[in-house]
């Protein structure tokens, strides 16, 4: 770790291998949560600023104090192509920690996207740029650039613990965090989920509109006798 009191960063981050990340491309955030037993989903206050946004990549975490974004610039210096900046602003809701010029810097560095538990500005300009941004919303007021803060430590973002190197998957439904040590296991579950969904699609096409378990559950709670629904 490098730094002094109030400031610091971990330079070395163990990232999830690209081969594993590639297997998550195109997988919906909803499917990811199914694969890890409905865990890891950030609070829905964090939304994409543009419809159709999609991110998959390693988390590079940033802890900011309220009203300051200095350590975001340090994070940009440490980031590698494809990284997702995951940022906590300690509950700040009155100032924007990210703007269009920072988006241009992130694009030049070929980052994979930004997730901010806080606010940005320059919404329209950012929507016109090809960098997925997820945040709480927008305000026009900028922040100071003095610090303190920390990069690549464990943070809470969207009420979910995120560590550098964890995998971030995001789309129109929201953001899901996969713990780095669970990535391979989650990927293994995806095949079974896809198979179940394909089976259900075939059942609907064949006339079985509702899954078989619905009838069983109705019987269990005395909502049905035979095929007659009780009033």
Protein backbone atom coordinates (compact mmCIF):
# COMPACT_ATOMS: atom_id res chain seq x y z
CA UNK A 1 0.00 0.00 0.00
CA UNK A 2 1.17 3.51 -0.77
CA UNK A 3 0.04 6.77 0.82
CA UNK A 4 -0.20 8.74 4.01
CA UNK A 5 -2.89 9.44 6.61
CA UNK A 6 -6.19 9.80 4.77
CA UNK A 7 -4.72 9.08 1.33
CA UNK A 8 -3.65 5.79 -0.20
CA UNK A 9 -3.93 3.08 -2.81
CA UNK A 10 -3.05 -0.51 -3.47
CA UNK A 11 -1.14 -0.61 -6.73
CA UNK A 12 -1.25 -4.34 -7.35
CA UNK A 13 -4.66 -5.88 -8.01
CA UNK A 14 -5.33 -9.52 -8.80
CA UNK A 15 -7.74 -9.30 -11.71
CA UNK A 16 -10.11 -11.98 -12.96
CA UNK A 17 -8.64 -13.52 -16.14
CA UNK A 18 -10.00 -12.26 -19.49
CA UNK A 19 -11.02 -15.80 -20.49
CA UNK A 20 -13.50 -15.91 -17.60
CA UNK A 21 -14.78 -12.39 -18.28
CA UNK A 22 -15.45 -13.34 -21.89
CA UNK A 23 -17.80 -16.11 -20.75
CA UNK A 24 -19.92 -13.48 -18.97
CA UNK A 25 -20.33 -11.24 -22.02
CA UNK A 26 -23.97 -11.03 -22.99
CA UNK A 27 -25.19 -12.69 -19.78
CA UNK A 28 -28.02 -10.70 -18.17
CA UNK A 29 -27.59 -9.33 -14.66
CA UNK A 30 -30.79 -11.18 -13.72
CA UNK A 31 -29.23 -14.47 -14.78
CA UNK A 32 -26.12 -13.71 -12.75
CA UNK A 33 -28.20 -13.18 -9.61
CA UNK A 34 -30.00 -16.48 -10.25
CA UNK A 35 -26.63 -18.20 -10.57
CA UNK A 36 -25.48 -16.87 -7.19
CA UNK A 37 -28.72 -17.35 -5.27
CA UNK A 38 -30.05 -13.78 -5.59
CA UNK A 39 -26.99 -12.18 -4.00
CA UNK A 40 -24.65 -9.38 -5.02
CA UNK A 41 -27.22 -7.00 -6.52
CA UNK A 42 -26.64 -3.29 -5.92
CA UNK A 43 -29.46 -1.06 -4.72
CA UNK A 44 -31.67 0.09 -7.65
CA UNK A 45 -30.83 3.72 -6.89
CA UNK A 46 -27.83 3.06 -9.15
CA UNK A 47 -29.09 3.13 -12.74
CA UNK A 48 -27.58 3.48 -16.23
CA UNK A 49 -27.78 6.99 -17.67
CA UNK A 50 -28.39 5.56 -21.16
CA UNK A 51 -30.70 2.75 -22.23
CA UNK A 52 -28.90 -0.34 -23.46
CA UNK A 53 -25.79 0.18 -21.31
CA UNK A 54 -23.79 -2.96 -20.68
CA UNK A 55 -20.65 -3.57 -18.61
CA UNK A 56 -18.56 -6.60 -17.69
CA UNK A 57 -15.16 -6.19 -16.08
CA UNK A 58 -12.88 -6.11 -13.07
CA UNK A 59 -13.69 -3.66 -10.29
CA UNK A 60 -11.20 -0.93 -9.48
CA UNK A 61 -12.61 0.54 -6.28
CA UNK A 62 -12.57 4.19 -5.21
CA UNK A 63 -13.53 5.59 -1.82
CA UNK A 64 -14.24 9.33 -1.86
CA UNK A 65 -15.14 11.71 0.95
CA UNK A 66 -18.33 13.78 0.49
CA UNK A 67 -17.82 16.61 -1.99
CA UNK A 68 -14.39 15.67 -3.37
CA UNK A 69 -13.11 13.56 -6.27
CA UNK A 70 -9.30 13.88 -6.17
CA UNK A 71 -8.77 10.15 -5.73
CA UNK A 72 -10.77 9.44 -8.88
CA UNK A 73 -7.85 10.94 -10.82
CA UNK A 74 -5.47 8.65 -8.94
CA UNK A 75 -7.75 5.75 -9.91
CA UNK A 76 -7.52 6.77 -13.57
CA UNK A 77 -3.72 6.60 -13.29
CA UNK A 78 -3.93 3.07 -11.87
CA UNK A 79 -6.67 1.71 -14.15
CA UNK A 80 -6.06 -0.81 -16.90
CA UNK A 81 -8.10 -1.23 -20.11
CA UNK A 82 -11.44 -2.87 -19.42
CA UNK A 83 -11.51 -1.98 -15.71
CA UNK A 84 -14.76 -0.76 -14.16
CA UNK A 85 -14.38 2.13 -11.72
CA UNK A 86 -16.64 1.42 -8.73
CA UNK A 87 -17.05 4.51 -6.58
CA UNK A 88 -18.54 5.29 -3.20
CA UNK A 89 -19.18 8.95 -2.31
CA UNK A 90 -20.08 8.40 1.37
CA UNK A 91 -23.71 9.36 0.80
CA UNK A 92 -23.10 12.67 -0.98
CA UNK A 93 -26.18 13.71 -2.98
CA UNK A 94 -25.53 17.39 -3.68
CA UNK A 95 -22.39 17.43 -5.83
CA UNK A 96 -21.23 15.63 -8.98
CA UNK A 97 -18.00 13.64 -8.77
CA UNK A 98 -17.87 12.85 -12.51
CA UNK A 99 -18.28 14.88 -15.69
CA UNK A 100 -17.79 14.77 -19.44
CA UNK A 101 -14.07 15.57 -19.40
CA UNK A 102 -13.43 12.65 -17.07
CA UNK A 103 -15.45 10.47 -19.43
CA UNK A 104 -13.15 11.49 -22.26
CA UNK A 105 -10.14 10.53 -20.12
CA UNK A 106 -11.72 7.17 -19.26
CA UNK A 107 -12.41 6.49 -22.94
CA UNK A 108 -8.83 7.35 -23.86
CA UNK A 109 -7.73 4.80 -21.26
CA UNK A 110 -10.22 2.26 -22.74
CA UNK A 111 -11.99 1.65 -19.45
CA UNK A 112 -15.03 -0.63 -19.40
CA UNK A 113 -17.40 1.64 -17.52
CA UNK A 114 -18.18 3.58 -14.35
CA UNK A 115 -20.39 2.70 -11.37
CA UNK A 116 -20.95 5.54 -8.89
CA UNK A 117 -23.01 5.42 -5.73
CA UNK A 118 -23.47 9.14 -6.12
CA UNK A 119 -24.06 11.79 -8.78
CA UNK A 120 -22.54 12.98 -12.04
CA UNK A 121 -23.09 15.99 -14.28
CA UNK A 122 -23.09 16.69 -18.05
CA UNK A 123 -25.70 13.98 -18.54
CA UNK A 124 -26.53 14.66 -22.19
CA UNK A 125 -22.88 14.92 -23.23
CA UNK A 126 -22.09 11.71 -21.36
CA UNK A 127 -25.04 9.91 -22.95
CA UNK A 128 -23.61 10.77 -26.35
CA UNK A 129 -20.31 9.10 -25.52
CA UNK A 130 -19.71 5.36 -25.72
CA UNK A 131 -18.86 4.78 -22.06
CA UNK A 132 -21.41 3.00 -19.84
CA UNK A 133 -22.11 5.05 -16.71
CA UNK A 134 -24.26 3.88 -13.82
CA UNK A 135 -25.08 6.33 -11.01
CA UNK A 136 -27.81 7.74 -8.77
CA UNK A 137 -28.56 10.72 -10.97
CA UNK A 138 -27.29 14.12 -12.01
CA UNK A 139 -26.64 17.50 -10.41
CA UNK A 140 -24.80 20.49 -11.95
CA UNK A 141 -22.53 21.32 -8.99
CA UNK A 142 -18.89 20.18 -9.15
CA UNK A 143 -16.65 19.07 -6.26
CA UNK A 144 -13.32 19.95 -4.69
CA UNK A 145 -10.12 18.11 -5.64
CA UNK A 146 -8.22 17.88 -2.40
CA UNK A 147 -8.88 14.41 -0.96
CA UNK A 148 -8.64 12.36 1.13
CA UNK A 149 -9.68 8.96 -0.22
CA UNK A 150 -8.47 5.49 -1.11
CA UNK A 151 -8.15 3.43 -4.30
CA UNK A 152 -8.31 -0.36 -4.47
CA UNK A 153 -9.58 -1.08 -1.01
CA UNK A 154 -12.76 -2.82 0.10
CA UNK A 155 -15.78 -0.51 -0.21
CA UNK A 156 -19.56 -0.58 -0.01
CA UNK A 157 -21.25 0.54 -3.21
CA UNK A 158 -25.00 0.28 -3.66
CA UNK A 159 -25.14 -1.53 -0.30
CA UNK A 160 -22.91 -4.33 -1.62
CA UNK A 161 -19.33 -5.02 -0.59
CA UNK A 162 -16.93 -4.64 -3.53
CA UNK A 163 -13.24 -5.51 -3.58
CA UNK A 164 -10.72 -4.76 -6.32
CA UNK A 165 -10.75 -7.63 -8.80
CA UNK A 166 -14.36 -8.60 -8.17
CA UNK A 167 -16.37 -8.84 -11.37
CA UNK A 168 -19.01 -6.23 -12.18
CA UNK A 169 -21.90 -7.05 -14.53
CA UNK A 170 -24.37 -4.32 -15.38
CA UNK A 171 -27.24 -3.70 -17.79
CA UNK A 172 -30.63 -1.97 -17.89
CA UNK A 173 -31.79 -4.03 -14.88
CA UNK A 174 -28.93 -2.88 -12.65
CA UNK A 175 -25.55 -3.90 -11.28
CA UNK A 176 -24.45 -7.28 -9.91
CA UNK A 177 -21.15 -7.99 -8.16
CA UNK A 178 -19.54 -11.44 -8.45
CA UNK A 179 -16.93 -12.17 -5.81
CA UNK A 180 -13.69 -13.00 -7.56
CA UNK A 181 -13.41 -16.40 -5.90
CA UNK A 182 -16.93 -17.30 -7.10
CA UNK A 183 -16.61 -16.38 -10.78
CA UNK A 184 -15.84 -19.89 -12.04
CA UNK A 185 -18.68 -21.41 -9.98
CA UNK A 186 -21.16 -18.80 -11.25
CA UNK A 187 -20.15 -19.51 -14.84
CA UNK A 188 -20.68 -23.22 -14.22
CA UNK A 189 -24.24 -22.50 -13.07
CA UNK A 190 -25.10 -20.53 -16.21
CA UNK A 191 -25.39 -23.64 -18.39
CA UNK A 192 -27.98 -25.23 -16.09
CA UNK A 193 -29.99 -22.00 -15.94
CA UNK A 194 -29.99 -21.69 -19.74
CA UNK A 195 -31.13 -25.30 -20.07
CA UNK A 196 -34.03 -24.76 -17.64
CA UNK A 197 -35.15 -21.64 -19.48
CA UNK A 198 -35.04 -23.40 -22.84
CA UNK A 199 -37.11 -26.22 -21.39
CA UNK A 200 -39.71 -23.78 -20.06
CA UNK A 201 -39.94 -22.02 -23.43
CA UNK A 202 -40.60 -25.39 -25.08
CA UNK A 203 -43.30 -26.21 -22.49
CA UNK A 204 -45.11 -22.92 -23.15
CA UNK A 205 -44.96 -23.52 -26.90
CA UNK A 206 -46.44 -27.01 -26.31
CA UNK A 207 -49.38 -25.58 -24.37
CA UNK A 208 -48.16 -25.83 -20.76
CA UNK A 209 -48.65 -22.14 -20.05
CA UNK A 210 -47.84 -22.32 -16.33
CA UNK A 211 -44.99 -24.33 -14.78
CA UNK A 212 -45.97 -27.59 -13.07
CA UNK A 213 -44.95 -26.36 -9.64
CA UNK A 214 -47.81 -23.81 -9.58
CA UNK A 215 -50.45 -26.54 -9.36
CA UNK A 216 -48.47 -28.35 -6.66
CA UNK A 217 -48.12 -25.18 -4.60
CA UNK A 218 -51.84 -24.39 -4.89
CA UNK A 219 -52.68 -27.84 -3.58
CA UNK A 220 -50.21 -27.41 -0.74
CA UNK A 221 -51.97 -24.25 0.49
CA UNK A 222 -55.52 -25.52 -0.16
CA UNK A 223 -56.21 -23.27 -3.11
CA UNK A 224 -57.22 -26.09 -5.41
CA UNK A 225 -59.03 -29.42 -5.27
CA UNK A 226 -58.37 -31.41 -8.39
CA UNK A 227 -58.64 -28.77 -11.10
CA UNK A 228 -61.15 -26.53 -9.36
CA UNK A 229 -59.85 -23.33 -7.78
CA UNK A 230 -61.56 -22.65 -4.44
CA UNK A 231 -63.32 -19.35 -3.92
